[in-house]
Structure formats: C-alpha cells, structure tokens
Amino acid sequence: MVESAYEVITAAAGSAGPGGAGTEGERAEFGDSAAAGPGGAVRRRQARESAARTYARALPVVPVRARGLTIEDADGRRYLDCSSGAGSLALGHNHPVVLEAIRKVLDSGAPLQVTGLTTPVEDAFVAELLRTLPPGLAGHARVRFCGPGGTEPVATAVALVRAATGRARIVTPTDAQYAADPATCCPAEGGEAPAGVLVEAVRGECGPRPVPGTWLRGLRRITERRSVPLVADETETGVGRTGAFWAVEHSGVTPDVLVLSKAIGGSLPLAAVVHRTDLDDGRASGAAAFRGNQLALAAGTATLAHVRVHRLAEHAARVGARLLTRLRGLAGEFACVGAVRGCGLAIAMELTAPDCGPGAGTAGELAAAVQRECLRRGLIVDLTGPAGNVLRLLPPLIVTEEQTSAILDRLADAVQAAERSRADHGPPPGARTAR
C-alpha cells in the first residue's frame, strides 16, 4: 500500500526506489532492464518525452534528494551541482530558511493561489524586495507581478514603457554596439526617440559577459537626456549572482525599470517588474493566473533576506574571483581552453578545438566530452552558446571554499581527460595540444 508522497512518485515511475522492478506493462514495453531503477527512468524519458529536452539528454541523472550544492541520484551517486537551476537557486537546493518559509505558509492554512489579491505573504515579499533595490530606485519604486516564466516579465516591462511614453520602438543593444558609442543604442528615427532601451549589465547569451561600466554610464546619461526609460534585465543576474545584489550596481547606474525572475522566487517560479512610480499608468497588467504564487513569495522573501543579511553577494565576489583565477590558469595549461569570463558566481569557460587531426571533433563536441567527464567525477556543469562550446558555472551563493576546491579539481581533471582523449587522435606535426 502506497502511503507517502515519495512512494507515490517512485511507484508512478515504475520503481519503488533505486533498483525497483517497474510495472508489468513497463517491463513488457521497455524490457526488465529498462523498467528497473534510475536507468529505467532515463530510458522511459527518452521514449516518452520530446527530444527538445537537450539538457536532460546531456545529463542522465535522476535526482531524488538534494541539499545545498549536492544532488543525490536514484542510484546513490552524489554530484556537486554547478547549474543551480540555470541560476534560479541562489541558496542551493532545499535551504533550511526556504523550507521553513514554505512550511509556515502550508501550516497556516493560507490560500496558495490568489491571483491579484494582496496577502500578508505578498506584503512581506514586497517590503523585503524594496530593501534590496539600488538606492536611486528604492525610494520611488512600484512592484508589478506577472506570470512566472522568463518572457512574461520582459513583455510586461515593454508594455509598461510603451504605455508610459506613448511610443512603440524598443531598442536592445547588440554585441557590436557594446563596443561602440552608446548613442547608437538610443537613436531617434523620424525625430522620435524609442520607448525604452532594454539592456543586460551582464550578458547571459553565450555565457556571462559583463558590459563595461563606462559604456553603461554613458548610455544612462543619453537615455536620461532623451527621456527614454532604461530597462535592466536582471532575470539571470539578480540576487547576488554577479557579486553585487543587482548587476547594474557594478556600474553605479540606476535603471528606470528592473526585470526580475529566477532567483527572486527562492527556487520556485516567480517574476516581477520594478519600476519608477511615474511610469505607472494604472492600467491592468493582464490576467496572469499564476501571478504572485504564495509559496514562491514566501520562499523569495526568505532568500532575499538571507542573501542581504549574510552579505552573500560579497561572498560570491570573493569565491568567483578565485574561480576565475584558477580557470584562467587552465587556459595556460591546455590549448582547448579559450576565453574565461564572468563575474561573481556567473562564470563561463570557452572550449576551442585546436587541430588534432581527422576525427578529433568540433569545439562543441569537445565541450560535451568535458561535460561527460565532469559528470563521471560527480560534477554537474551546463553548456551554452550557439556552438554548445561554452561551459557555464553557476554554483549557489552558499558554496564553501572546500566545495570550490572540489569543483576546480574535478573540472581540471575533466578537461585533462577530454584533452588527452582528443590528442589520442594524433595531432599533425607542429600542432599544439597542451602548453
């Protein structure tokens, strides 16, 4: 008889835990070996779910427990998780303050979903969020909740500045423009300025890339002079990830609008837009059914407060500097390690493909090999970039010095193993494999 939620979940997966035999129907469909244990779950996923789940295919891990930086697989293996839910886990998995906040809401009998209604849980979240904002924005800010995905807060911010300015055009700077005069990002077409400029202080595409502070300050001066709202997308960079509570603080720039998601929900889906009071037109922000989920608000409040009180952004800056130094050292040891960039605990290491002869593979294939070698050593890392050749490290802000050493050692071993395997293809004369 199934009694616990865990048993319900594992029974539904065709396993009563590690090594479970699965149902008779699953054994008939997939075979005994496919229906049993964590490997069976992976095989069932491959047969049942979309091939678009590239992340799950690259990391054949079936997590059943997690705490902090550590994930335990269904087969009992433990991994250090340096993906942090794509940056959404500022405090790692199942942090005690987050679990306590969630339990309090559950035990209180409060409603879990009340779209658009004010609750004590929401009130506490907004108060804590305002405490963390850049000083130039905190004193005259409004908070607008929206759907919890990655696109909803951006769409909400765009609709906001369009309504406030009466203009339609939104400018998003390109990589080329970050190296040029910031005035090129705020052009007047037909004599009309844009409705807003949407910018990331730390670019997330192709791995973290900080935008120069002088460039951002120049852009801020231009947008102020032309009365163009500056919208900062902090979806991936907020809540201490980059070594400051908000990435724009590195440059000293105060935006007119902040786009927030991921880490603000304390591991649960939550998104919001913070904007200057004078941009508020009082219009309804749309019917987002899951706007302001109560458990996410409670978890988010606990996370924001913990990061603020324990100065975890400063910790992220210190640990991140250590990671960058060691990874740049790897670039001096291995020809396959290219650019290393980032700030705080948002770090990217680009893998290149020196010519090692026929069959040696592309940079993306080499990066995938490094990821596999990391997994064999109990380390979960993410890959990004158009060619899939950028390894991304996003450990939680609570990562310790000891764990940092383990991450670096495992990653260095993985790069060495992948490089050795690649070199076995036989580099042509004069080709460089390791420095």
Protein backbone atom coordinates (compact mmCIF):
# COMPACT_ATOMS: atom_id res chain seq x y z
CA MET A 1 0.00 0.00 0.00
CA VAL A 2 1.41 3.36 -1.04
CA GLU A 3 1.41 5.76 1.90
CA SER A 4 3.87 8.57 1.30
CA ALA A 5 4.20 11.14 -1.47
CA TYR A 6 7.70 9.83 -2.21
CA GLU A 7 6.33 6.31 -2.67
CA VAL A 8 3.60 7.63 -4.96
CA ILE A 9 6.20 9.36 -7.12
CA THR A 10 8.59 6.42 -7.29
CA ALA A 11 5.76 3.96 -7.87
CA ALA A 12 4.48 6.08 -10.76
CA ALA A 13 7.98 6.00 -12.23
CA GLY A 14 7.92 2.22 -12.22
CA SER A 15 10.30 1.93 -9.30
CA ALA A 16 9.82 1.65 -5.55
CA GLY A 17 13.20 3.30 -5.21
CA PRO A 18 16.65 2.51 -6.54
CA GLY A 19 16.56 -0.86 -8.27
CA GLY A 20 12.75 -1.17 -8.32
CA ALA A 21 11.40 -3.57 -10.93
CA GLY A 22 8.69 -1.41 -12.51
CA THR A 23 5.15 -2.39 -13.51
CA GLU A 24 4.29 -5.39 -15.65
CA GLY A 25 3.22 -3.10 -18.50
CA GLU A 26 6.51 -1.23 -18.39
CA ARG A 27 8.51 -4.47 -18.38
CA ALA A 28 6.56 -5.58 -21.44
CA GLU A 29 7.09 -2.25 -23.21
CA PHE A 30 10.68 -1.47 -22.26
CA GLY A 31 12.11 -4.79 -21.00
CA ASP A 32 13.16 -5.66 -17.46
CA SER A 33 16.43 -3.73 -17.56
CA ALA A 34 14.73 -0.62 -18.94
CA ALA A 35 11.96 -0.65 -16.34
CA ALA A 36 14.24 -1.05 -13.35
CA GLY A 37 15.96 1.63 -11.30
CA PRO A 38 17.21 5.07 -12.35
CA GLY A 39 18.36 3.83 -15.74
CA GLY A 40 14.78 2.82 -16.44
CA ALA A 41 13.59 6.34 -15.73
CA VAL A 42 16.10 7.70 -18.23
CA ARG A 43 15.01 5.18 -20.87
CA ARG A 44 11.34 5.93 -20.29
CA ARG A 45 12.04 9.65 -20.64
CA GLN A 46 13.75 9.04 -23.97
CA ALA A 47 10.74 7.06 -25.20
CA ARG A 48 8.00 9.31 -23.83
CA GLU A 49 9.24 12.89 -23.84
CA SER A 50 10.23 15.36 -26.50
CA ALA A 51 13.75 15.28 -27.91
CA ALA A 52 13.79 19.04 -27.29
CA ARG A 53 14.89 18.27 -23.72
CA THR A 54 18.55 18.53 -24.62
CA TYR A 55 19.63 19.33 -21.06
CA ALA A 56 18.12 16.11 -19.71
CA ARG A 57 19.71 14.08 -22.52
CA ALA A 58 23.16 15.52 -21.83
CA LEU A 59 22.90 14.83 -18.09
CA PRO A 60 21.40 11.37 -17.49
CA VAL A 61 20.90 12.00 -13.77
CA VAL A 62 17.69 11.07 -11.90
CA PRO A 63 17.85 13.20 -8.73
CA VAL A 64 15.88 12.03 -5.70
CA ARG A 65 17.40 14.18 -2.94
CA ALA A 66 19.22 17.49 -2.82
CA ARG A 67 20.63 19.86 -0.24
CA GLY A 68 22.75 22.92 -0.84
CA LEU A 69 25.23 22.23 -3.63
CA THR A 70 24.70 18.47 -3.58
CA ILE A 71 22.32 16.31 -5.63
CA GLU A 72 21.88 12.60 -4.92
CA ASP A 73 20.91 10.35 -7.80
CA ALA A 74 18.48 7.44 -7.60
CA ASP A 75 21.47 5.09 -7.67
CA GLY A 76 23.05 6.78 -4.65
CA ARG A 77 25.70 8.80 -6.53
CA ARG A 78 26.27 12.35 -5.37
CA TYR A 79 27.06 15.34 -7.56
CA LEU A 80 28.10 18.93 -6.98
CA ASP A 81 25.52 20.96 -8.89
CA CYS A 82 27.07 23.97 -10.63
CA SER A 83 23.99 24.72 -12.72
CA SER A 84 21.79 25.90 -9.80
CA GLY A 85 18.61 25.51 -11.81
CA ALA A 86 20.04 27.82 -14.51
CA GLY A 87 20.79 30.33 -11.76
CA SER A 88 17.43 30.20 -10.00
CA LEU A 89 18.80 28.57 -6.82
CA ALA A 90 20.64 31.39 -5.08
CA LEU A 91 20.80 29.37 -1.85
CA GLY A 92 21.14 25.99 -3.49
CA HIS A 93 18.73 23.10 -3.07
CA ASN A 94 16.33 22.95 -0.11
CA HIS A 95 17.98 25.60 2.02
CA PRO A 96 16.62 25.48 5.61
CA VAL A 97 15.36 29.08 5.60
CA VAL A 98 13.48 28.45 2.35
CA LEU A 99 11.93 25.21 3.58
CA GLU A 100 10.90 26.87 6.84
CA ALA A 101 9.20 29.72 4.98
CA ILE A 102 7.30 27.29 2.76
CA ARG A 103 6.23 25.14 5.72
CA LYS A 104 4.89 28.18 7.57
CA VAL A 105 2.60 29.02 4.69
CA LEU A 106 1.46 25.42 4.31
CA ASP A 107 0.80 25.04 8.05
CA SER A 108 -1.03 28.37 8.29
CA GLY A 109 -3.94 27.31 6.11
CA ALA A 110 -3.44 30.39 3.93
CA PRO A 111 -4.54 30.13 0.28
CA LEU A 112 -1.75 29.05 -2.04
CA GLN A 113 -3.05 30.86 -5.11
CA VAL A 114 -4.96 34.16 -5.01
CA THR A 115 -4.30 35.90 -8.30
CA GLY A 116 -4.13 39.65 -7.89
CA LEU A 117 -5.15 39.80 -4.22
CA THR A 118 -2.92 41.29 -1.54
CA THR A 119 -1.87 38.91 1.22
CA PRO A 120 0.47 39.18 4.22
CA VAL A 121 2.89 36.91 2.36
CA GLU A 122 2.96 39.22 -0.66
CA ASP A 123 3.27 42.28 1.56
CA ALA A 124 6.34 40.81 3.27
CA PHE A 125 7.93 39.97 -0.08
CA VAL A 126 7.46 43.47 -1.48
CA ALA A 127 8.88 45.04 1.69
CA GLU A 128 11.99 42.86 1.53
CA LEU A 129 12.42 43.42 -2.21
CA LEU A 130 12.33 47.19 -1.75
CA ARG A 131 15.08 46.91 0.90
CA THR A 132 17.41 45.35 -1.65
CA LEU A 133 16.92 47.82 -4.52
CA PRO A 134 19.57 50.31 -5.68
CA PRO A 135 19.16 53.47 -3.55
CA GLY A 136 18.19 55.62 -6.52
CA LEU A 137 15.22 53.40 -7.26
CA ALA A 138 14.15 52.13 -3.85
CA GLY A 139 12.64 55.42 -2.68
CA HIS A 140 10.16 55.75 -5.54
CA ALA A 141 9.51 52.27 -6.87
CA ARG A 142 6.42 50.24 -7.68
CA VAL A 143 6.26 46.45 -8.00
CA ARG A 144 4.19 44.74 -10.66
CA PHE A 145 3.81 40.95 -10.62
CA CYS A 146 3.36 38.93 -13.77
CA GLY A 147 3.46 35.33 -14.96
CA PRO A 148 6.43 33.36 -13.62
CA GLY A 149 8.20 32.47 -16.87
CA GLY A 150 11.25 34.08 -18.43
CA THR A 151 9.44 36.03 -21.15
CA GLU A 152 6.50 37.39 -19.14
CA PRO A 153 8.42 40.00 -17.11
CA VAL A 154 10.17 41.27 -20.24
CA ALA A 155 6.83 41.57 -22.04
CA THR A 156 5.37 43.34 -19.01
CA ALA A 157 8.26 45.82 -18.90
CA VAL A 158 7.96 46.51 -22.63
CA ALA A 159 4.22 47.13 -22.32
CA LEU A 160 4.88 49.41 -19.35
CA VAL A 161 7.35 51.75 -21.07
CA ARG A 162 5.29 51.82 -24.25
CA ALA A 163 2.23 52.93 -22.32
CA ALA A 164 4.23 55.46 -20.30
CA THR A 165 5.91 57.10 -23.31
CA GLY A 166 3.29 56.63 -25.99
CA ARG A 167 5.98 55.25 -28.24
CA ALA A 168 6.42 51.73 -29.60
CA ARG A 169 10.04 51.04 -30.53
CA ILE A 170 12.21 49.08 -28.09
CA VAL A 171 15.98 49.04 -28.55
CA THR A 172 18.05 46.06 -27.42
CA PRO A 173 21.79 46.68 -27.85
CA THR A 174 23.75 44.15 -29.89
CA ASP A 175 27.19 42.81 -29.07
CA ALA A 176 28.71 45.17 -31.63
CA GLN A 177 27.05 48.18 -30.00
CA TYR A 178 28.60 47.35 -26.61
CA ALA A 179 31.93 48.16 -28.15
CA ALA A 180 30.70 51.35 -29.84
CA ASP A 181 29.32 54.72 -28.84
CA PRO A 182 26.30 54.11 -26.58
CA ALA A 183 24.46 56.82 -28.50
CA THR A 184 23.94 54.24 -31.27
CA CYS A 185 21.59 52.40 -28.89
CA CYS A 186 19.24 55.32 -28.48
CA PRO A 187 18.72 56.73 -31.98
CA ALA A 188 15.82 58.93 -32.94
CA GLU A 189 14.07 57.59 -36.01
CA GLY A 190 11.87 60.09 -37.77
CA GLY A 191 12.55 62.51 -34.94
CA GLU A 192 11.10 60.15 -32.31
CA ALA A 193 13.09 58.53 -29.52
CA PRO A 194 12.46 54.88 -28.65
CA ALA A 195 10.01 53.83 -25.96
CA GLY A 196 12.81 52.20 -24.00
CA VAL A 197 16.24 50.60 -24.07
CA LEU A 198 16.41 47.04 -22.74
CA VAL A 199 19.88 46.07 -21.54
CA GLU A 200 21.68 43.40 -19.50
CA ALA A 201 24.51 44.61 -17.28
CA VAL A 202 25.96 41.12 -17.55
CA ARG A 203 25.13 39.46 -20.83
CA GLY A 204 23.80 35.93 -20.42
CA GLU A 205 23.96 34.75 -24.02
CA CYS A 206 27.00 32.56 -24.76
CA GLY A 207 27.92 32.61 -21.10
CA PRO A 208 28.24 35.56 -18.67
CA ARG A 209 29.89 38.64 -20.16
CA PRO A 210 29.98 41.84 -18.11
CA VAL A 211 29.17 45.00 -20.04
CA PRO A 212 31.74 47.79 -19.43
CA GLY A 213 30.62 50.16 -16.69
CA THR A 214 31.75 53.23 -18.62
CA TRP A 215 29.55 52.18 -21.53
CA LEU A 216 26.51 51.68 -19.28
CA ARG A 217 27.03 55.04 -17.59
CA GLY A 218 27.25 56.71 -20.98
CA LEU A 219 24.02 55.02 -22.05
CA ARG A 220 22.32 56.14 -18.84
CA ARG A 221 23.26 59.77 -19.49
CA ILE A 222 21.90 59.60 -23.03
CA THR A 223 18.61 57.94 -22.04
CA GLU A 224 18.06 60.49 -19.29
CA ARG A 225 18.73 63.38 -21.67
CA ARG A 226 16.28 61.98 -24.22
CA SER A 227 13.66 60.89 -21.64
CA VAL A 228 13.96 57.24 -22.64
CA PRO A 229 13.34 54.67 -19.87
CA LEU A 230 16.29 52.36 -19.24
CA VAL A 231 15.15 48.81 -18.58
CA ALA A 232 17.66 46.47 -16.90
CA ASP A 233 17.03 42.77 -17.37
CA GLU A 234 18.12 41.07 -14.14
CA THR A 235 16.37 37.78 -14.89
CA GLU A 236 19.62 35.79 -14.67
CA THR A 237 21.85 38.17 -12.74
CA GLY A 238 19.82 39.35 -9.74
CA VAL A 239 20.03 38.43 -6.04
CA GLY A 240 23.80 38.47 -5.64
CA ARG A 241 24.74 36.22 -8.56
CA THR A 242 27.34 38.61 -10.06
CA GLY A 243 28.94 39.77 -6.82
CA ALA A 244 26.50 42.66 -6.32
CA PHE A 245 22.87 42.29 -5.31
CA TRP A 246 21.85 43.59 -8.74
CA ALA A 247 24.25 43.51 -11.68
CA VAL A 248 23.62 47.16 -12.60
CA GLU A 249 25.15 48.18 -9.27
CA HIS A 250 28.63 47.32 -10.58
CA SER A 251 28.39 50.35 -12.86
CA GLY A 252 26.62 52.65 -10.41
CA VAL A 253 23.73 53.01 -12.87
CA THR A 254 20.17 53.31 -11.60
CA PRO A 255 17.69 52.00 -14.17
CA ASP A 256 14.09 53.09 -14.52
CA VAL A 257 12.82 49.51 -14.69
CA LEU A 258 14.14 46.21 -13.33
CA VAL A 259 13.04 42.89 -14.86
CA LEU A 260 13.20 40.15 -12.23
CA SER A 261 12.74 36.40 -12.27
CA LYS A 262 14.57 33.14 -11.43
CA ALA A 263 16.32 33.62 -8.06
CA ILE A 264 13.72 36.01 -6.60
CA GLY A 265 11.37 33.04 -6.10
CA GLY A 266 13.77 31.21 -3.83
CA SER A 267 13.76 28.13 -6.14
CA LEU A 268 10.06 28.43 -7.06
CA PRO A 269 8.65 30.19 -10.17
CA LEU A 270 8.16 33.91 -9.60
CA ALA A 271 8.63 37.04 -11.70
CA ALA A 272 8.07 40.75 -11.22
CA VAL A 273 8.84 44.13 -12.71
CA VAL A 274 10.04 47.01 -10.52
CA HIS A 275 9.69 50.48 -12.00
CA ARG A 276 9.73 54.16 -11.17
CA THR A 277 6.48 55.45 -9.72
CA ASP A 278 5.99 58.00 -12.51
CA LEU A 279 5.92 55.22 -15.12
CA ASP A 280 2.84 53.66 -13.54
CA ASP A 281 -0.20 54.34 -15.73
CA GLY A 282 -2.57 52.39 -13.50
CA ARG A 283 -3.57 50.02 -16.27
CA ALA A 284 -4.18 46.36 -15.54
CA SER A 285 -1.14 44.19 -16.29
CA GLY A 286 -3.13 41.33 -17.77
CA ALA A 287 -4.67 38.15 -16.47
CA ALA A 288 -1.69 36.04 -15.43
CA ALA A 289 -3.26 33.18 -13.47
CA PHE A 290 -0.07 32.31 -11.61
CA ARG A 291 0.94 35.84 -10.75
CA GLY A 292 2.30 36.01 -7.20
CA ASN A 293 2.17 32.37 -6.08
CA GLN A 294 2.16 32.40 -2.27
CA LEU A 295 4.75 29.66 -1.75
CA ALA A 296 7.12 31.35 -4.20
CA LEU A 297 6.60 34.71 -2.48
CA ALA A 298 7.43 33.18 0.91
CA ALA A 299 10.47 31.36 -0.44
CA GLY A 300 11.56 34.52 -2.23
CA THR A 301 11.27 36.66 0.88
CA ALA A 302 13.42 34.22 2.85
CA THR A 303 16.02 34.10 0.05
CA LEU A 304 16.24 37.87 -0.44
CA ALA A 305 16.61 38.44 3.30
CA HIS A 306 19.23 35.71 3.74
CA VAL A 307 21.35 36.99 0.86
CA ARG A 308 21.09 40.55 2.18
CA VAL A 309 21.73 39.84 5.87
CA HIS A 310 24.58 37.41 5.29
CA ARG A 311 26.18 39.54 2.57
CA LEU A 312 26.28 36.64 0.16
CA ALA A 313 26.86 38.91 -2.83
CA GLU A 314 30.24 39.80 -1.34
CA HIS A 315 30.95 36.11 -0.74
CA ALA A 316 30.06 35.42 -4.38
CA ALA A 317 32.53 38.09 -5.49
CA ARG A 318 35.36 36.56 -3.44
CA VAL A 319 34.73 32.96 -4.47
CA GLY A 320 34.14 34.00 -8.07
CA ALA A 321 37.48 35.77 -8.21
CA ARG A 322 39.16 32.56 -7.06
CA LEU A 323 37.33 30.52 -9.69
CA LEU A 324 38.30 32.95 -12.45
CA THR A 325 41.97 32.92 -11.44
CA ARG A 326 42.18 29.12 -11.46
CA LEU A 327 40.23 28.73 -14.70
CA ARG A 328 42.43 31.28 -16.43
CA GLY A 329 45.33 29.18 -15.23
CA LEU A 330 43.82 26.23 -17.08
CA ALA A 331 43.92 28.32 -20.24
CA GLY A 332 47.68 28.41 -19.78
CA GLU A 333 47.86 24.62 -19.43
CA PHE A 334 45.51 23.39 -22.13
CA ALA A 335 45.17 24.63 -25.68
CA CYS A 336 41.48 23.66 -25.70
CA VAL A 337 40.63 26.26 -23.03
CA GLY A 338 39.93 29.62 -24.61
CA ALA A 339 38.37 32.73 -23.10
CA VAL A 340 37.37 32.68 -19.43
CA ARG A 341 34.96 35.42 -18.40
CA GLY A 342 32.29 36.40 -15.90
CA CYS A 343 31.86 38.00 -12.50
CA GLY A 344 30.80 36.72 -9.12
CA LEU A 345 29.38 33.22 -9.42
CA ALA A 346 28.40 33.60 -13.06
CA ILE A 347 31.38 32.27 -14.99
CA ALA A 348 31.96 30.95 -18.49
CA MET A 349 34.87 28.98 -19.95
CA GLU A 350 35.02 28.69 -23.72
CA LEU A 351 36.34 25.46 -25.26
CA THR A 352 38.19 25.65 -28.56
CA ALA A 353 39.23 22.91 -30.98
CA PRO A 354 42.92 23.03 -31.91
CA ASP A 355 43.69 20.91 -34.96
CA CYS A 356 44.31 17.40 -33.67
CA GLY A 357 43.78 15.59 -36.94
CA PRO A 358 40.83 13.84 -38.59
CA GLY A 359 38.12 12.66 -36.24
CA ALA A 360 39.18 14.91 -33.40
CA GLY A 361 35.79 16.67 -33.43
CA THR A 362 34.49 20.20 -33.09
CA ALA A 363 34.69 22.58 -30.14
CA GLY A 364 31.10 21.71 -29.25
CA GLU A 365 31.93 18.01 -29.22
CA LEU A 366 34.96 18.69 -27.06
CA ALA A 367 32.81 20.70 -24.62
CA ALA A 368 30.31 17.84 -24.48
CA ALA A 369 33.19 15.48 -23.71
CA VAL A 370 34.32 17.75 -20.86
CA GLN A 371 30.75 17.81 -19.53
CA ARG A 372 30.63 14.00 -19.58
CA GLU A 373 33.99 13.76 -17.83
CA CYS A 374 32.73 16.21 -15.20
CA LEU A 375 29.68 14.05 -14.64
CA ARG A 376 31.86 10.96 -14.16
CA ARG A 377 33.67 12.87 -11.43
CA GLY A 378 30.47 13.97 -9.71
CA LEU A 379 30.21 17.49 -11.11
CA ILE A 380 27.23 18.92 -12.99
CA VAL A 381 28.01 21.79 -15.37
CA ASP A 382 25.99 23.47 -18.09
CA LEU A 383 26.84 24.13 -21.74
CA THR A 384 25.67 27.13 -23.71
CA GLY A 385 26.50 29.19 -26.80
CA PRO A 386 25.47 28.73 -30.46
CA ALA A 387 28.10 26.01 -30.91
CA GLY A 388 27.48 24.48 -27.48
CA ASN A 389 31.14 25.04 -26.63
CA VAL A 390 30.83 27.37 -23.63
CA LEU A 391 30.92 25.71 -20.22
CA ARG A 392 28.95 27.69 -17.65
CA LEU A 393 29.46 27.61 -13.89
CA LEU A 394 26.60 28.89 -11.71
CA PRO A 395 27.19 27.46 -8.23
CA PRO A 396 24.85 28.68 -5.46
CA LEU A 397 25.93 31.66 -3.39
CA ILE A 398 26.42 29.43 -0.34
CA VAL A 399 29.27 27.46 -1.95
CA THR A 400 32.11 26.96 0.55
CA GLU A 401 35.84 27.26 -0.01
CA GLU A 402 36.17 23.48 0.35
CA GLN A 403 33.46 22.89 -2.25
CA THR A 404 35.12 25.44 -4.53
CA SER A 405 38.35 23.45 -4.36
CA ALA A 406 36.45 20.27 -5.23
CA ILE A 407 34.77 21.98 -8.20
CA LEU A 408 38.07 23.25 -9.55
CA ASP A 409 39.88 19.93 -9.08
CA ARG A 410 37.13 17.91 -10.77
CA LEU A 411 36.84 20.36 -13.63
CA ALA A 412 40.61 20.42 -14.20
CA ASP A 413 40.69 16.61 -14.24
CA ALA A 414 37.78 16.54 -16.70
CA VAL A 415 39.48 18.98 -19.08
CA GLN A 416 42.69 16.98 -18.91
CA ALA A 417 40.86 13.71 -19.64
CA ALA A 418 38.95 15.18 -22.58
CA GLU A 419 42.09 16.79 -23.98
CA ARG A 420 44.02 13.53 -23.63
CA SER A 421 41.30 11.63 -25.46
CA ARG A 422 41.27 14.23 -28.20
CA ALA A 423 45.06 14.15 -28.53
CA ASP A 424 44.91 10.37 -28.99
CA HIS A 425 43.56 11.05 -32.48
CA GLY A 426 47.08 12.05 -33.36
CA PRO A 427 47.81 15.76 -33.90
CA PRO A 428 49.59 16.67 -37.08
CA PRO A 429 53.24 17.73 -36.77
CA GLY A 430 53.59 21.10 -35.07
CA ALA A 431 50.05 21.11 -33.71
CA ARG A 432 49.71 22.29 -30.14
CA THR A 433 47.76 20.10 -27.63
CA ALA A 434 48.84 21.41 -24.24
CA ARG A 435 51.04 24.19 -23.06
